[in-house]
Amino acid sequence: MNKELLGKNIKYRRKVLKVRQEDLAEISGVALRTVVSIERGEGNPSLETLLKIAEVLGMELQLNVKL
């Protein structure tokens, strides 16, 4: 998983929707520091955390099998 690209995509979508980090954290039930960390491409967010954020932002996660 490219954490930097993931973070940039989440941040971009959040800004398009004009949602503050604090609001995303509250609505998704994810800690603010976790949202900030993900957007910076840091940390190792769980699938559950990413799904919560994606749902709020109207995004979809895809898993691809490496061959």
N, C-alpha and C. Protein backbone atom coordinates (compact mmCIF):
# COMPACT_ATOMS: atom_id res chain seq x y z
N MET A 1 0.85 -1.17 0.00
CA MET A 1 0.00 0.00 0.00
C MET A 1 0.89 1.24 0.00
N ASN A 2 0.63 2.13 -0.90
CA ASN A 2 1.36 3.39 -0.96
C ASN A 2 0.65 4.38 -0.02
N LYS A 3 1.20 4.52 1.18
CA LYS A 3 0.55 5.34 2.21
C LYS A 3 0.51 6.82 1.84
N GLU A 4 1.54 7.30 1.15
CA GLU A 4 1.55 8.71 0.74
C GLU A 4 0.43 9.01 -0.24
N LEU A 5 0.27 8.16 -1.23
CA LEU A 5 -0.78 8.34 -2.23
C LEU A 5 -2.16 8.22 -1.59
N LEU A 6 -2.32 7.26 -0.71
CA LEU A 6 -3.58 7.08 0.01
C LEU A 6 -3.92 8.35 0.78
N GLY A 7 -2.96 8.87 1.50
CA GLY A 7 -3.17 10.09 2.28
C GLY A 7 -3.53 11.28 1.42
N LYS A 8 -2.84 11.42 0.29
CA LYS A 8 -3.13 12.53 -0.62
C LYS A 8 -4.54 12.43 -1.18
N ASN A 9 -4.96 11.21 -1.52
CA ASN A 9 -6.31 11.02 -2.07
C ASN A 9 -7.38 11.33 -1.04
N ILE A 10 -7.17 10.91 0.19
CA ILE A 10 -8.14 11.18 1.25
C ILE A 10 -8.21 12.68 1.52
N LYS A 11 -7.06 13.32 1.60
CA LYS A 11 -7.03 14.77 1.84
C LYS A 11 -7.71 15.53 0.70
N TYR A 12 -7.41 15.14 -0.53
CA TYR A 12 -8.02 15.79 -1.69
C TYR A 12 -9.54 15.67 -1.65
N ARG A 13 -10.03 14.47 -1.41
CA ARG A 13 -11.49 14.24 -1.37
C ARG A 13 -12.13 15.04 -0.23
N ARG A 14 -11.48 15.06 0.91
CA ARG A 14 -12.00 15.81 2.06
C ARG A 14 -12.12 17.29 1.72
N LYS A 15 -11.10 17.82 1.05
CA LYS A 15 -11.12 19.24 0.70
C LYS A 15 -12.17 19.54 -0.37
N VAL A 16 -12.33 18.65 -1.33
CA VAL A 16 -13.37 18.83 -2.36
C VAL A 16 -14.74 18.92 -1.70
N LEU A 17 -14.96 18.11 -0.68
CA LEU A 17 -16.24 18.10 0.03
C LEU A 17 -16.33 19.21 1.09
N LYS A 18 -15.23 19.95 1.26
CA LYS A 18 -15.17 21.04 2.24
C LYS A 18 -15.46 20.54 3.65
N VAL A 19 -14.81 19.44 3.99
CA VAL A 19 -14.93 18.84 5.32
C VAL A 19 -13.63 19.09 6.06
N ARG A 20 -13.73 19.60 7.28
CA ARG A 20 -12.53 19.81 8.10
C ARG A 20 -12.06 18.46 8.66
N GLN A 21 -10.78 18.38 8.98
CA GLN A 21 -10.25 17.16 9.58
C GLN A 21 -11.00 16.81 10.86
N GLU A 22 -11.30 17.82 11.65
CA GLU A 22 -12.01 17.60 12.91
C GLU A 22 -13.38 17.00 12.67
N ASP A 23 -14.06 17.47 11.63
CA ASP A 23 -15.39 16.95 11.32
C ASP A 23 -15.31 15.52 10.79
N LEU A 24 -14.33 15.26 9.95
CA LEU A 24 -14.14 13.90 9.43
C LEU A 24 -13.89 12.94 10.58
N ALA A 25 -13.05 13.35 11.51
CA ALA A 25 -12.74 12.50 12.66
C ALA A 25 -14.01 12.22 13.47
N GLU A 26 -14.78 13.25 13.74
CA GLU A 26 -15.98 13.08 14.56
C GLU A 26 -17.03 12.21 13.86
N ILE A 27 -17.29 12.48 12.60
CA ILE A 27 -18.32 11.74 11.86
C ILE A 27 -17.94 10.28 11.67
N SER A 28 -16.66 10.04 11.39
CA SER A 28 -16.20 8.67 11.12
C SER A 28 -15.92 7.87 12.38
N GLY A 29 -15.77 8.58 13.50
CA GLY A 29 -15.45 7.89 14.75
C GLY A 29 -13.98 7.52 14.85
N VAL A 30 -13.15 8.22 14.08
CA VAL A 30 -11.71 7.99 14.07
C VAL A 30 -11.04 9.17 14.78
N ALA A 31 -10.03 8.91 15.56
CA ALA A 31 -9.33 9.97 16.28
C ALA A 31 -8.74 10.99 15.31
N LEU A 32 -8.79 12.26 15.69
CA LEU A 32 -8.25 13.33 14.86
C LEU A 32 -6.78 13.07 14.53
N ARG A 33 -6.00 12.65 15.50
CA ARG A 33 -4.57 12.41 15.25
C ARG A 33 -4.38 11.30 14.21
N THR A 34 -5.32 10.37 14.14
CA THR A 34 -5.25 9.30 13.14
C THR A 34 -5.53 9.86 11.75
N VAL A 35 -6.54 10.71 11.64
CA VAL A 35 -6.86 11.35 10.35
C VAL A 35 -5.66 12.15 9.86
N VAL A 36 -5.08 12.94 10.74
CA VAL A 36 -3.91 13.75 10.38
C VAL A 36 -2.76 12.85 9.93
N SER A 37 -2.51 11.79 10.67
CA SER A 37 -1.43 10.86 10.35
C SER A 37 -1.64 10.21 8.98
N ILE A 38 -2.86 9.78 8.71
CA ILE A 38 -3.16 9.15 7.42
C ILE A 38 -2.93 10.13 6.29
N GLU A 39 -3.42 11.35 6.44
CA GLU A 39 -3.25 12.35 5.38
C GLU A 39 -1.78 12.70 5.14
N ARG A 40 -0.95 12.54 6.13
CA ARG A 40 0.49 12.80 5.98
C ARG A 40 1.23 11.59 5.41
N GLY A 41 0.53 10.48 5.23
CA GLY A 41 1.16 9.26 4.73
C GLY A 41 1.94 8.54 5.80
N GLU A 42 1.59 8.79 7.05
CA GLU A 42 2.30 8.17 8.18
C GLU A 42 1.42 7.11 8.84
N GLY A 43 2.01 6.39 9.74
CA GLY A 43 1.26 5.39 10.51
C GLY A 43 0.90 4.18 9.68
N ASN A 44 0.10 3.32 10.28
CA ASN A 44 -0.32 2.10 9.63
C ASN A 44 -1.80 1.87 9.96
N PRO A 45 -2.70 2.60 9.28
CA PRO A 45 -4.12 2.51 9.63
C PRO A 45 -4.69 1.13 9.33
N SER A 46 -5.62 0.72 10.16
CA SER A 46 -6.28 -0.57 9.95
C SER A 46 -7.27 -0.46 8.80
N LEU A 47 -7.66 -1.59 8.27
CA LEU A 47 -8.67 -1.63 7.22
C LEU A 47 -9.98 -1.04 7.74
N GLU A 48 -10.32 -1.35 8.97
CA GLU A 48 -11.54 -0.83 9.58
C GLU A 48 -11.53 0.71 9.61
N THR A 49 -10.41 1.29 9.98
CA THR A 49 -10.28 2.75 10.02
C THR A 49 -10.43 3.34 8.62
N LEU A 50 -9.78 2.75 7.65
CA LEU A 50 -9.87 3.25 6.28
C LEU A 50 -11.28 3.13 5.73
N LEU A 51 -11.98 2.06 6.07
CA LEU A 51 -13.36 1.89 5.62
C LEU A 51 -14.27 2.94 6.22
N LYS A 52 -14.07 3.28 7.48
CA LYS A 52 -14.88 4.32 8.14
C LYS A 52 -14.69 5.66 7.44
N ILE A 53 -13.44 6.01 7.17
CA ILE A 53 -13.14 7.28 6.51
C ILE A 53 -13.69 7.29 5.09
N ALA A 54 -13.49 6.19 4.37
CA ALA A 54 -13.97 6.09 2.99
C ALA A 54 -15.48 6.24 2.92
N GLU A 55 -16.18 5.66 3.86
CA GLU A 55 -17.65 5.75 3.86
C GLU A 55 -18.11 7.20 4.02
N VAL A 56 -17.50 7.92 4.93
CA VAL A 56 -17.86 9.33 5.16
C VAL A 56 -17.57 10.17 3.92
N LEU A 57 -16.47 9.89 3.25
CA LEU A 57 -16.05 10.69 2.09
C LEU A 57 -16.65 10.20 0.77
N GLY A 58 -17.44 9.13 0.82
CA GLY A 58 -18.02 8.60 -0.41
C GLY A 58 -16.99 7.98 -1.32
N MET A 59 -16.00 7.33 -0.71
CA MET A 59 -14.92 6.69 -1.46
C MET A 59 -15.07 5.18 -1.37
N GLU A 60 -14.36 4.49 -2.24
CA GLU A 60 -14.38 3.04 -2.26
C GLU A 60 -12.94 2.52 -2.19
N LEU A 61 -12.72 1.51 -1.37
CA LEU A 61 -11.39 0.89 -1.29
C LEU A 61 -11.36 -0.33 -2.18
N GLN A 62 -10.24 -0.56 -2.83
CA GLN A 62 -10.06 -1.74 -3.66
C GLN A 62 -8.83 -2.49 -3.20
N LEU A 63 -8.96 -3.79 -3.17
CA LEU A 63 -7.82 -4.65 -2.85
C LEU A 63 -7.44 -5.40 -4.12
N ASN A 64 -6.18 -5.34 -4.46
CA ASN A 64 -5.69 -6.03 -5.65
C ASN A 64 -4.74 -7.13 -5.22
N VAL A 65 -4.86 -8.26 -5.86
CA VAL A 65 -3.99 -9.40 -5.57
C VAL A 65 -2.69 -9.24 -6.34
N LYS A 66 -1.58 -9.36 -5.61
CA LYS A 66 -0.27 -9.32 -6.26
C LYS A 66 0.04 -10.71 -6.79
N LEU A 67 0.49 -10.76 -8.01
CA LEU A 67 0.84 -12.06 -8.61
C LEU A 67 2.33 -12.22 -8.68
